[in-house]
Amino acid sequence: MAKTCISCGSDKNIRIYQKKSFLECPVYRCNKCGLCFFYSDDKGMERKCDEYYKKTYWNTIRRRWDEKRKFLNIIIKILRKVKTEPLQQVWHYNVIKKCASPSKSEKLLDIGCAKGDFMLFFSKMGFDVRGIEPDKNNTKIVNKLFKKEVCINGLVEKVKITEKFGVIYLCHVFEHLIRPDLFLKKIKNNLNRGGIIFLEVPNCENKKILHNSLNYHPHIYSFTLDSMRKLFERSGYNILKLGSYSEIHKSYLMMFFLMLFGMNNYKPFSGEKGERIIVLAKKKGN
């Protein structure tokens, strides 16, 4: 890992924050920007994460998560039949449309696309979608869903991407990357003129979210608004939108009605109260 804070570049304000974490590594915190991260060599961390994802994540953790969401997923399938879509996906689309106004025929790259739910939604919105997914089984599921090869299997840090895109999209993926700073610098080359990158991560200014991020998830980085701002600016981006948000209603019943009537379920909160951070940016001079 970097020997300095990847967000603000500080090497003098870093202190041990927690001796053990979900990935069994000590956690360090930059007191200048609030970023929490590990000190480890990149290859060692990559091996640890690769082993965890192959043996545990998709076979156990995500399976449990899918079981918990089983009822909600049934509701989503029913609502899609009456031409409505999941709240988070619609919210992301509206933010992108309002801030960047991409054309509907624009190419969109979904990094860490899982089983293709977001790709399917953006395809319905008119985007020409592509995906990158590290899990082989998920890659097969996505390509079967679209009935063509739209998703490639691999880690985004290692996959060679030659195409250019109007939108590059990451939803709760960025915090899993070994070196998100290097990723941001590399992926700029794959943005069209006027193209944008959109991502959502947990808001770790929120103490409860930070605790969960460090102790219950394989997150290598835990971001704050300030650390995210500094990281994007140092990586050569102009930020179009940066904010902390939370769901207004969390009950499945309320979400059902909001989806049915196409209403919004997300509102901005102050840094410590928001549950998620969204960033929308484009490269400088573009």
C-alpha atoms as a PDB file:
ATOM      1  CA  MET A   1       0.000   0.000   0.000  1.00  0.00           C
ATOM      2  CA  ALA A   2       1.036   3.648  -0.276  1.00  0.00           C
ATOM      3  CA  LYS A   3       3.368   4.882   2.468  1.00  0.00           C
ATOM      4  CA  THR A   4       1.459   8.153   2.588  1.00  0.00           C
ATOM      5  CA  CYS A   5      -2.252   8.912   2.689  1.00  0.00           C
ATOM      6  CA  ILE A   6      -3.547   8.318  -0.855  1.00  0.00           C
ATOM      7  CA  SER A   7      -6.152  11.076  -0.460  1.00  0.00           C
ATOM      8  CA  CYS A   8      -4.279  14.106   0.881  1.00  0.00           C
ATOM      9  CA  GLY A   9      -0.646  12.969   0.534  1.00  0.00           C
ATOM     10  CA  SER A  10       0.146  13.415   4.221  1.00  0.00           C
ATOM     11  CA  ASP A  11       2.809  11.229   5.817  1.00  0.00           C
ATOM     12  CA  LYS A  12       2.929  13.013   9.194  1.00  0.00           C
ATOM     13  CA  ASN A  13      -0.659  12.796  10.428  1.00  0.00           C
ATOM     14  CA  ILE A  14      -1.158   9.022  10.271  1.00  0.00           C
ATOM     15  CA  ARG A  15      -1.900   7.163  13.503  1.00  0.00           C
ATOM     16  CA  ILE A  16      -2.978   3.647  14.432  1.00  0.00           C
ATOM     17  CA  TYR A  17      -6.766   3.653  14.790  1.00  0.00           C
ATOM     18  CA  GLN A  18      -7.618   0.027  15.457  1.00  0.00           C
ATOM     19  CA  LYS A  19      -5.340  -2.971  16.008  1.00  0.00           C
ATOM     20  CA  LYS A  20      -7.521  -5.512  14.234  1.00  0.00           C
ATOM     21  CA  SER A  21     -10.130  -5.421  11.464  1.00  0.00           C
ATOM     22  CA  PHE A  22     -12.321  -7.717   9.391  1.00  0.00           C
ATOM     23  CA  LEU A  23      -9.338  -8.508   7.169  1.00  0.00           C
ATOM     24  CA  GLU A  24      -7.191  -9.090  10.289  1.00  0.00           C
ATOM     25  CA  CYS A  25      -4.998  -6.071   9.586  1.00  0.00           C
ATOM     26  CA  PRO A  26      -4.322  -3.032  11.791  1.00  0.00           C
ATOM     27  CA  VAL A  27      -6.186   0.069  10.650  1.00  0.00           C
ATOM     28  CA  TYR A  28      -4.508   3.451  10.317  1.00  0.00           C
ATOM     29  CA  ARG A  29      -6.224   6.830  10.151  1.00  0.00           C
ATOM     30  CA  CYS A  30      -5.064  10.022   8.518  1.00  0.00           C
ATOM     31  CA  ASN A  31      -5.945  12.756  10.997  1.00  0.00           C
ATOM     32  CA  LYS A  32      -5.722  15.361   8.248  1.00  0.00           C
ATOM     33  CA  CYS A  33      -8.509  14.065   5.955  1.00  0.00           C
ATOM     34  CA  GLY A  34     -10.074  11.219   7.969  1.00  0.00           C
ATOM     35  CA  LEU A  35      -9.222   8.341   5.615  1.00  0.00           C
ATOM     36  CA  CYS A  36      -8.888   4.919   7.301  1.00  0.00           C
ATOM     37  CA  PHE A  37      -6.723   2.314   5.558  1.00  0.00           C
ATOM     38  CA  PHE A  38      -4.205  -0.519   5.957  1.00  0.00           C
ATOM     39  CA  TYR A  39      -0.437  -0.475   5.700  1.00  0.00           C
ATOM     40  CA  SER A  40       0.454  -3.570   3.706  1.00  0.00           C
ATOM     41  CA  ASP A  41       2.231  -4.430   0.485  1.00  0.00           C
ATOM     42  CA  ASP A  42      -0.113  -4.360  -2.506  1.00  0.00           C
ATOM     43  CA  LYS A  43       0.527  -7.953  -3.584  1.00  0.00           C
ATOM     44  CA  GLY A  44       0.037  -9.302  -0.073  1.00  0.00           C
ATOM     45  CA  MET A  45      -3.283  -7.503   0.291  1.00  0.00           C
ATOM     46  CA  GLU A  46      -4.349  -8.645  -3.167  1.00  0.00           C
ATOM     47  CA  ARG A  47      -3.672 -12.294  -2.251  1.00  0.00           C
ATOM     48  CA  LYS A  48      -5.595 -11.940   1.025  1.00  0.00           C
ATOM     49  CA  CYS A  49      -8.605 -10.371  -0.713  1.00  0.00           C
ATOM     50  CA  ASP A  50      -8.547 -12.809  -3.618  1.00  0.00           C
ATOM     51  CA  GLU A  51      -8.599 -15.775  -1.232  1.00  0.00           C
ATOM     52  CA  TYR A  52     -11.444 -14.269   0.789  1.00  0.00           C
ATOM     53  CA  TYR A  53     -13.638 -13.508  -2.245  1.00  0.00           C
ATOM     54  CA  LYS A  54     -13.116 -16.940  -3.797  1.00  0.00           C
ATOM     55  CA  LYS A  55     -13.688 -18.949  -0.626  1.00  0.00           C
ATOM     56  CA  THR A  56     -16.114 -16.887   1.426  1.00  0.00           C
ATOM     57  CA  TYR A  57     -17.672 -13.756  -0.051  1.00  0.00           C
ATOM     58  CA  TRP A  58     -19.941 -15.007  -2.823  1.00  0.00           C
ATOM     59  CA  ASN A  59     -20.479 -18.457  -1.323  1.00  0.00           C
ATOM     60  CA  THR A  60     -21.402 -17.274   2.179  1.00  0.00           C
ATOM     61  CA  ILE A  61     -21.638 -13.522   2.826  1.00  0.00           C
ATOM     62  CA  ARG A  62     -23.515 -12.482  -0.311  1.00  0.00           C
ATOM     63  CA  ARG A  63     -25.720 -15.569  -0.140  1.00  0.00           C
ATOM     64  CA  ARG A  64     -26.841 -14.535   3.362  1.00  0.00           C
ATOM     65  CA  TRP A  65     -27.382 -10.970   2.161  1.00  0.00           C
ATOM     66  CA  ASP A  66     -29.479 -12.195  -0.774  1.00  0.00           C
ATOM     67  CA  GLU A  67     -31.552 -14.299   1.640  1.00  0.00           C
ATOM     68  CA  LYS A  68     -32.247 -11.237   3.799  1.00  0.00           C
ATOM     69  CA  ARG A  69     -33.341  -9.302   0.702  1.00  0.00           C
ATOM     70  CA  LYS A  70     -35.435 -12.137  -0.700  1.00  0.00           C
ATOM     71  CA  PHE A  71     -38.740 -10.419   0.070  1.00  0.00           C
ATOM     72  CA  LEU A  72     -37.539  -7.094  -1.342  1.00  0.00           C
ATOM     73  CA  ASN A  73     -36.267  -8.797  -4.510  1.00  0.00           C
ATOM     74  CA  ILE A  74     -39.697 -10.391  -5.052  1.00  0.00           C
ATOM     75  CA  ILE A  75     -41.292  -6.925  -4.741  1.00  0.00           C
ATOM     76  CA  ILE A  76     -38.776  -5.466  -7.211  1.00  0.00           C
ATOM     77  CA  LYS A  77     -39.576  -8.182  -9.787  1.00  0.00           C
ATOM     78  CA  ILE A  78     -43.305  -7.512  -9.413  1.00  0.00           C
ATOM     79  CA  LEU A  79     -42.876  -3.753  -9.714  1.00  0.00           C
ATOM     80  CA  ARG A  80     -40.666  -4.093 -12.792  1.00  0.00           C
ATOM     81  CA  LYS A  81     -43.573  -5.792 -14.513  1.00  0.00           C
ATOM     82  CA  VAL A  82     -45.590  -2.593 -14.011  1.00  0.00           C
ATOM     83  CA  LYS A  83     -42.727  -0.489 -15.407  1.00  0.00           C
ATOM     84  CA  THR A  84     -41.141   0.812 -12.216  1.00  0.00           C
ATOM     85  CA  GLU A  85     -37.558   0.369 -10.992  1.00  0.00           C
ATOM     86  CA  PRO A  86     -35.553   0.085  -7.731  1.00  0.00           C
ATOM     87  CA  LEU A  87     -35.157   3.345  -5.794  1.00  0.00           C
ATOM     88  CA  GLN A  88     -31.354   3.421  -5.656  1.00  0.00           C
ATOM     89  CA  GLN A  89     -30.944   2.823  -9.369  1.00  0.00           C
ATOM     90  CA  VAL A  90     -33.457   5.533 -10.292  1.00  0.00           C
ATOM     91  CA  TRP A  91     -31.794   7.960  -7.868  1.00  0.00           C
ATOM     92  CA  HIS A  92     -28.341   7.345  -9.360  1.00  0.00           C
ATOM     93  CA  TYR A  93     -29.686   7.769 -12.879  1.00  0.00           C
ATOM     94  CA  ASN A  94     -31.373  11.076 -11.990  1.00  0.00           C
ATOM     95  CA  VAL A  95     -28.177  12.412 -10.381  1.00  0.00           C
ATOM     96  CA  ILE A  96     -26.128  11.478 -13.457  1.00  0.00           C
ATOM     97  CA  LYS A  97     -28.723  12.945 -15.831  1.00  0.00           C
ATOM     98  CA  LYS A  98     -29.002  16.209 -13.885  1.00  0.00           C
ATOM     99  CA  CYS A  99     -25.280  16.827 -13.424  1.00  0.00           C
ATOM    100  CA  ALA A 100     -23.807  15.465 -16.639  1.00  0.00           C
ATOM    101  CA  SER A 101     -26.628  15.125 -19.209  1.00  0.00           C
ATOM    102  CA  PRO A 102     -25.123  12.140 -21.066  1.00  0.00           C
ATOM    103  CA  SER A 103     -26.817  11.052 -24.256  1.00  0.00           C
ATOM    104  CA  LYS A 104     -28.940   7.933 -23.889  1.00  0.00           C
ATOM    105  CA  SER A 105     -26.891   6.052 -26.480  1.00  0.00           C
ATOM    106  CA  GLU A 106     -23.750   6.673 -24.404  1.00  0.00           C
ATOM    107  CA  LYS A 107     -21.543   3.756 -23.440  1.00  0.00           C
ATOM    108  CA  LEU A 108     -21.619   2.948 -19.713  1.00  0.00           C
ATOM    109  CA  LEU A 109     -19.089   0.763 -17.892  1.00  0.00           C
ATOM    110  CA  ASP A 110     -20.274  -0.833 -14.629  1.00  0.00           C
ATOM    111  CA  ILE A 111     -17.222  -1.882 -12.607  1.00  0.00           C
ATOM    112  CA  GLY A 112     -17.959  -4.664 -10.139  1.00  0.00           C
ATOM    113  CA  CYS A 113     -21.328  -5.293 -11.756  1.00  0.00           C
ATOM    114  CA  ALA A 114     -22.181  -8.415  -9.676  1.00  0.00           C
ATOM    115  CA  LYS A 115     -25.198 -10.167 -11.265  1.00  0.00           C
ATOM    116  CA  GLY A 116     -25.983  -7.307 -13.637  1.00  0.00           C
ATOM    117  CA  ASP A 117     -28.989  -5.652 -11.944  1.00  0.00           C
ATOM    118  CA  PHE A 118     -27.653  -2.119 -12.440  1.00  0.00           C
ATOM    119  CA  MET A 119     -26.484  -2.910 -15.967  1.00  0.00           C
ATOM    120  CA  LEU A 120     -29.975  -4.113 -16.827  1.00  0.00           C
ATOM    121  CA  PHE A 121     -31.511  -0.920 -15.446  1.00  0.00           C
ATOM    122  CA  PHE A 122     -29.130   1.390 -17.342  1.00  0.00           C
ATOM    123  CA  SER A 123     -29.690  -0.657 -20.494  1.00  0.00           C
ATOM    124  CA  LYS A 124     -33.419   0.004 -20.143  1.00  0.00           C
ATOM    125  CA  MET A 125     -32.584   3.711 -19.828  1.00  0.00           C
ATOM    126  CA  GLY A 126     -30.937   3.525 -23.251  1.00  0.00           C
ATOM    127  CA  PHE A 127     -27.260   3.166 -22.374  1.00  0.00           C
ATOM    128  CA  ASP A 128     -24.945   0.815 -24.256  1.00  0.00           C
ATOM    129  CA  VAL A 129     -23.686  -1.118 -21.219  1.00  0.00           C
ATOM    130  CA  ARG A 130     -20.498  -3.058 -20.472  1.00  0.00           C
ATOM    131  CA  GLY A 131     -19.357  -4.654 -17.222  1.00  0.00           C
ATOM    132  CA  ILE A 132     -16.286  -5.892 -15.381  1.00  0.00           C
ATOM    133  CA  GLU A 133     -16.813  -8.495 -12.666  1.00  0.00           C
ATOM    134  CA  PRO A 134     -14.200 -10.469 -10.671  1.00  0.00           C
ATOM    135  CA  ASP A 135     -16.505 -13.432  -9.934  1.00  0.00           C
ATOM    136  CA  LYS A 136     -16.621 -15.967 -12.792  1.00  0.00           C
ATOM    137  CA  ASN A 137     -20.087 -17.254 -11.975  1.00  0.00           C
ATOM    138  CA  ASN A 138     -21.532 -13.735 -11.894  1.00  0.00           C
ATOM    139  CA  THR A 139     -19.888 -12.974 -15.238  1.00  0.00           C
ATOM    140  CA  LYS A 140     -21.688 -15.965 -16.766  1.00  0.00           C
ATOM    141  CA  ILE A 141     -24.991 -14.835 -15.217  1.00  0.00           C
ATOM    142  CA  VAL A 142     -24.641 -11.330 -16.711  1.00  0.00           C
ATOM    143  CA  ASN A 143     -23.768 -12.549 -20.198  1.00  0.00           C
ATOM    144  CA  LYS A 144     -26.644 -15.021 -20.090  1.00  0.00           C
ATOM    145  CA  LEU A 145     -28.979 -12.204 -18.981  1.00  0.00           C
ATOM    146  CA  PHE A 146     -27.998 -10.045 -21.959  1.00  0.00           C
ATOM    147  CA  LYS A 147     -27.616 -13.015 -24.342  1.00  0.00           C
ATOM    148  CA  LYS A 148     -24.252 -11.670 -25.490  1.00  0.00           C
ATOM    149  CA  GLU A 149     -20.748 -10.968 -24.169  1.00  0.00           C
ATOM    150  CA  VAL A 150     -21.157  -7.633 -22.391  1.00  0.00           C
ATOM    151  CA  CYS A 151     -19.244  -8.501 -19.214  1.00  0.00           C
ATOM    152  CA  ILE A 152     -15.613  -9.544 -18.849  1.00  0.00           C
ATOM    153  CA  ASN A 153     -14.232 -11.459 -15.898  1.00  0.00           C
ATOM    154  CA  GLY A 154     -11.306  -9.993 -13.967  1.00  0.00           C
ATOM    155  CA  LEU A 155     -10.071  -7.366 -11.529  1.00  0.00           C
ATOM    156  CA  VAL A 156     -10.412  -3.842 -12.871  1.00  0.00           C
ATOM    157  CA  GLU A 157      -6.850  -3.033 -11.784  1.00  0.00           C
ATOM    158  CA  LYS A 158      -5.565  -5.806 -14.081  1.00  0.00           C
ATOM    159  CA  VAL A 159      -8.029  -5.817 -16.982  1.00  0.00           C
ATOM    160  CA  LYS A 160      -6.839  -3.947 -20.070  1.00  0.00           C
ATOM    161  CA  ILE A 161      -9.632  -1.580 -21.106  1.00  0.00           C
ATOM    162  CA  THR A 162      -9.370  -0.077 -24.585  1.00  0.00           C
ATOM    163  CA  GLU A 163     -12.883   1.352 -25.067  1.00  0.00           C
ATOM    164  CA  LYS A 164     -13.940   4.851 -24.062  1.00  0.00           C
ATOM    165  CA  PHE A 165     -17.128   5.542 -22.122  1.00  0.00           C
ATOM    166  CA  GLY A 166     -19.487   8.387 -21.400  1.00  0.00           C
ATOM    167  CA  VAL A 167     -20.166   7.038 -17.901  1.00  0.00           C
ATOM    168  CA  ILE A 168     -17.951   4.908 -15.648  1.00  0.00           C
ATOM    169  CA  TYR A 169     -19.969   3.625 -12.709  1.00  0.00           C
ATOM    170  CA  LEU A 170     -18.986   2.015  -9.390  1.00  0.00           C
ATOM    171  CA  CYS A 171     -21.507   1.250  -6.641  1.00  0.00           C
ATOM    172  CA  HIS A 172     -19.869   0.106  -3.377  1.00  0.00           C
ATOM    173  CA  VAL A 173     -16.800  -1.144  -5.224  1.00  0.00           C
ATOM    174  CA  PHE A 174     -14.283   1.690  -4.835  1.00  0.00           C
ATOM    175  CA  GLU A 175     -13.585   0.899  -1.152  1.00  0.00           C
ATOM    176  CA  HIS A 176     -12.554  -2.656  -2.151  1.00  0.00           C
ATOM    177  CA  LEU A 177      -9.821  -1.580  -4.605  1.00  0.00           C
ATOM    178  CA  ILE A 178      -6.190  -2.181  -3.637  1.00  0.00           C
ATOM    179  CA  ARG A 179      -5.083   1.264  -4.910  1.00  0.00           C
ATOM    180  CA  PRO A 180      -8.038   3.508  -5.785  1.00  0.00           C
ATOM    181  CA  ASP A 181      -5.647   6.411  -6.388  1.00  0.00           C
ATOM    182  CA  LEU A 182      -3.877   4.539  -9.183  1.00  0.00           C
ATOM    183  CA  PHE A 183      -7.222   3.352 -10.534  1.00  0.00           C
ATOM    184  CA  LEU A 184      -8.533   6.939 -10.829  1.00  0.00           C
ATOM    185  CA  LYS A 185      -5.446   8.028 -12.749  1.00  0.00           C
ATOM    186  CA  LYS A 186      -5.628   5.017 -15.079  1.00  0.00           C
ATOM    187  CA  ILE A 187      -9.370   5.102 -15.797  1.00  0.00           C
ATOM    188  CA  LYS A 188      -9.244   8.737 -16.950  1.00  0.00           C
ATOM    189  CA  ASN A 189      -7.935   7.418 -20.260  1.00  0.00           C
ATOM    190  CA  ASN A 190     -11.215   5.548 -20.767  1.00  0.00           C
ATOM    191  CA  LEU A 191     -13.486   8.582 -20.459  1.00  0.00           C
ATOM    192  CA  ASN A 192     -14.926  10.220 -23.554  1.00  0.00           C
ATOM    193  CA  ARG A 193     -14.621  13.957 -23.899  1.00  0.00           C
ATOM    194  CA  GLY A 194     -17.180  15.208 -21.395  1.00  0.00           C
ATOM    195  CA  GLY A 195     -17.426  11.734 -19.856  1.00  0.00           C
ATOM    196  CA  ILE A 196     -18.046  11.317 -16.126  1.00  0.00           C
ATOM    197  CA  ILE A 197     -17.259   8.879 -13.330  1.00  0.00           C
ATOM    198  CA  PHE A 198     -19.931   8.171 -10.730  1.00  0.00           C
ATOM    199  CA  LEU A 199     -19.454   6.231  -7.523  1.00  0.00           C
ATOM    200  CA  GLU A 200     -21.102   5.485  -4.212  1.00  0.00           C
ATOM    201  CA  VAL A 201     -19.234   4.385  -1.068  1.00  0.00           C
ATOM    202  CA  PRO A 202     -20.093   4.070   2.642  1.00  0.00           C
ATOM    203  CA  ASN A 203     -19.837   7.383   4.493  1.00  0.00           C
ATOM    204  CA  CYS A 204     -17.280   6.709   7.216  1.00  0.00           C
ATOM    205  CA  GLU A 205     -17.690  10.063   8.899  1.00  0.00           C
ATOM    206  CA  ASN A 206     -20.723   8.311  10.343  1.00  0.00           C
ATOM    207  CA  LYS A 207     -19.326   6.378  13.343  1.00  0.00           C
ATOM    208  CA  LYS A 208     -21.732   3.454  12.975  1.00  0.00           C
ATOM    209  CA  ILE A 209     -20.922   3.112   9.263  1.00  0.00           C
ATOM    210  CA  LEU A 210     -17.187   3.305  10.018  1.00  0.00           C
ATOM    211  CA  HIS A 211     -17.484   0.588  12.672  1.00  0.00           C
ATOM    212  CA  ASN A 212     -19.312  -1.687  10.216  1.00  0.00           C
ATOM    213  CA  SER A 213     -16.852  -0.906   7.424  1.00  0.00           C
ATOM    214  CA  LEU A 214     -13.844  -1.871   9.515  1.00  0.00           C
ATOM    215  CA  ASN A 215     -15.279  -4.864  11.357  1.00  0.00           C
ATOM    216  CA  TYR A 216     -17.865  -6.528   9.121  1.00  0.00           C
ATOM    217  CA  HIS A 217     -16.778  -5.910   5.526  1.00  0.00           C
ATOM    218  CA  PRO A 218     -13.633  -6.535   3.452  1.00  0.00           C
ATOM    219  CA  HIS A 219     -13.121  -2.801   2.897  1.00  0.00           C
ATOM    220  CA  ILE A 220      -9.530  -1.750   2.350  1.00  0.00           C
ATOM    221  CA  TYR A 221     -10.404   1.963   2.576  1.00  0.00           C
ATOM    222  CA  SER A 222     -13.018   3.808   4.623  1.00  0.00           C
ATOM    223  CA  PHE A 223     -13.722   7.237   3.121  1.00  0.00           C
ATOM    224  CA  THR A 224     -14.924  10.570   4.458  1.00  0.00           C
ATOM    225  CA  LEU A 225     -16.188  13.498   2.378  1.00  0.00           C
ATOM    226  CA  ASP A 226     -12.888  15.352   2.820  1.00  0.00           C
ATOM    227  CA  SER A 227     -10.739  12.347   1.906  1.00  0.00           C
ATOM    228  CA  MET A 228     -12.860  11.684  -1.172  1.00  0.00           C
ATOM    229  CA  ARG A 229     -12.665  15.307  -2.284  1.00  0.00           C
ATOM    230  CA  LYS A 230      -8.892  15.446  -1.898  1.00  0.00           C
ATOM    231  CA  LEU A 231      -8.387  12.099  -3.641  1.00  0.00           C
ATOM    232  CA  PHE A 232     -10.333  13.152  -6.739  1.00  0.00           C
ATOM    233  CA  GLU A 233      -8.731  16.592  -6.929  1.00  0.00           C
ATOM    234  CA  ARG A 234      -5.195  15.161  -6.535  1.00  0.00           C
ATOM    235  CA  SER A 235      -5.992  12.561  -9.228  1.00  0.00           C
ATOM    236  CA  GLY A 236      -6.852  15.215 -11.831  1.00  0.00           C
ATOM    237  CA  TYR A 237     -10.655  15.477 -11.655  1.00  0.00           C
ATOM    238  CA  ASN A 238     -13.159  18.293 -11.380  1.00  0.00           C
ATOM    239  CA  ILE A 239     -15.907  17.333  -8.942  1.00  0.00           C
ATOM    240  CA  LEU A 240     -19.416  17.999 -10.248  1.00  0.00           C
ATOM    241  CA  LYS A 241     -21.230  16.626  -7.210  1.00  0.00           C
ATOM    242  CA  LEU A 242     -20.106  15.367  -3.800  1.00  0.00           C
ATOM    243  CA  GLY A 243     -22.413  14.726  -0.878  1.00  0.00           C
ATOM    244  CA  SER A 244     -23.540  12.570   2.018  1.00  0.00           C
ATOM    245  CA  TYR A 245     -26.981  10.946   1.787  1.00  0.00           C
ATOM    246  CA  SER A 246     -29.294   8.557   3.617  1.00  0.00           C
ATOM    247  CA  GLU A 247     -32.535   6.750   2.921  1.00  0.00           C
ATOM    248  CA  ILE A 248     -35.598   8.592   4.199  1.00  0.00           C
ATOM    249  CA  HIS A 249     -37.625   5.423   4.732  1.00  0.00           C
ATOM    250  CA  LYS A 250     -36.171   1.987   5.475  1.00  0.00           C
ATOM    251  CA  SER A 251     -39.280  -0.168   5.828  1.00  0.00           C
ATOM    252  CA  TYR A 252     -40.020  -2.456   2.870  1.00  0.00           C
ATOM    253  CA  LEU A 253     -43.646  -1.336   2.889  1.00  0.00           C
ATOM    254  CA  MET A 254     -42.747   2.338   2.444  1.00  0.00           C
ATOM    255  CA  MET A 255     -40.173   1.469  -0.211  1.00  0.00           C
ATOM    256  CA  PHE A 256     -42.824  -0.516  -2.045  1.00  0.00           C
ATOM    257  CA  PHE A 257     -45.096   2.537  -2.279  1.00  0.00           C
ATOM    258  CA  LEU A 258     -42.244   4.881  -3.193  1.00  0.00           C
ATOM    259  CA  MET A 259     -41.230   2.565  -6.030  1.00  0.00           C
ATOM    260  CA  LEU A 260     -44.824   2.184  -7.145  1.00  0.00           C
ATOM    261  CA  PHE A 261     -45.275   5.956  -7.500  1.00  0.00           C
ATOM    262  CA  GLY A 262     -41.742   6.716  -8.700  1.00  0.00           C
ATOM    263  CA  MET A 263     -40.830   8.816  -5.660  1.00  0.00           C
ATOM    264  CA  ASN A 264     -37.374   9.595  -4.248  1.00  0.00           C
ATOM    265  CA  ASN A 265     -36.160   7.935  -1.021  1.00  0.00           C
ATOM    266  CA  TYR A 266     -32.806   9.698  -0.592  1.00  0.00           C
ATOM    267  CA  LYS A 267     -31.966  13.070   0.934  1.00  0.00           C
ATOM    268  CA  PRO A 268     -28.733  14.870   1.846  1.00  0.00           C
ATOM    269  CA  PHE A 269     -27.535  14.748   5.440  1.00  0.00           C
ATOM    270  CA  SER A 270     -24.613  16.376   7.226  1.00  0.00           C
ATOM    271  CA  GLY A 271     -21.344  14.444   7.066  1.00  0.00           C
ATOM    272  CA  GLU A 272     -21.701  12.570  10.352  1.00  0.00           C
ATOM    273  CA  LYS A 273     -25.347  11.606   9.795  1.00  0.00           C
ATOM    274  CA  GLY A 274     -25.288  10.488   6.177  1.00  0.00           C
ATOM    275  CA  GLU A 275     -24.870   6.781   5.421  1.00  0.00           C
ATOM    276  CA  ARG A 276     -23.378   6.965   1.926  1.00  0.00           C
ATOM    277  CA  ILE A 277     -21.214   9.282  -0.137  1.00  0.00           C
ATOM    278  CA  ILE A 278     -21.785   9.864  -3.824  1.00  0.00           C
ATOM    279  CA  VAL A 279     -19.263  11.463  -6.162  1.00  0.00           C
ATOM    280  CA  LEU A 280     -19.711  12.568  -9.729  1.00  0.00           C
ATOM    281  CA  ALA A 281     -16.632  13.954 -11.496  1.00  0.00           C
ATOM    282  CA  LYS A 282     -14.957  14.476 -14.847  1.00  0.00           C
ATOM    283  CA  LYS A 283     -11.301  14.750 -15.695  1.00  0.00           C
ATOM    284  CA  LYS A 284      -9.766  18.231 -15.690  1.00  0.00           C
ATOM    285  CA  GLY A 285      -9.601  19.977 -19.023  1.00  0.00           C
ATOM    286  CA  ASN A 286     -12.397  17.802 -20.412  1.00  0.00           C
END
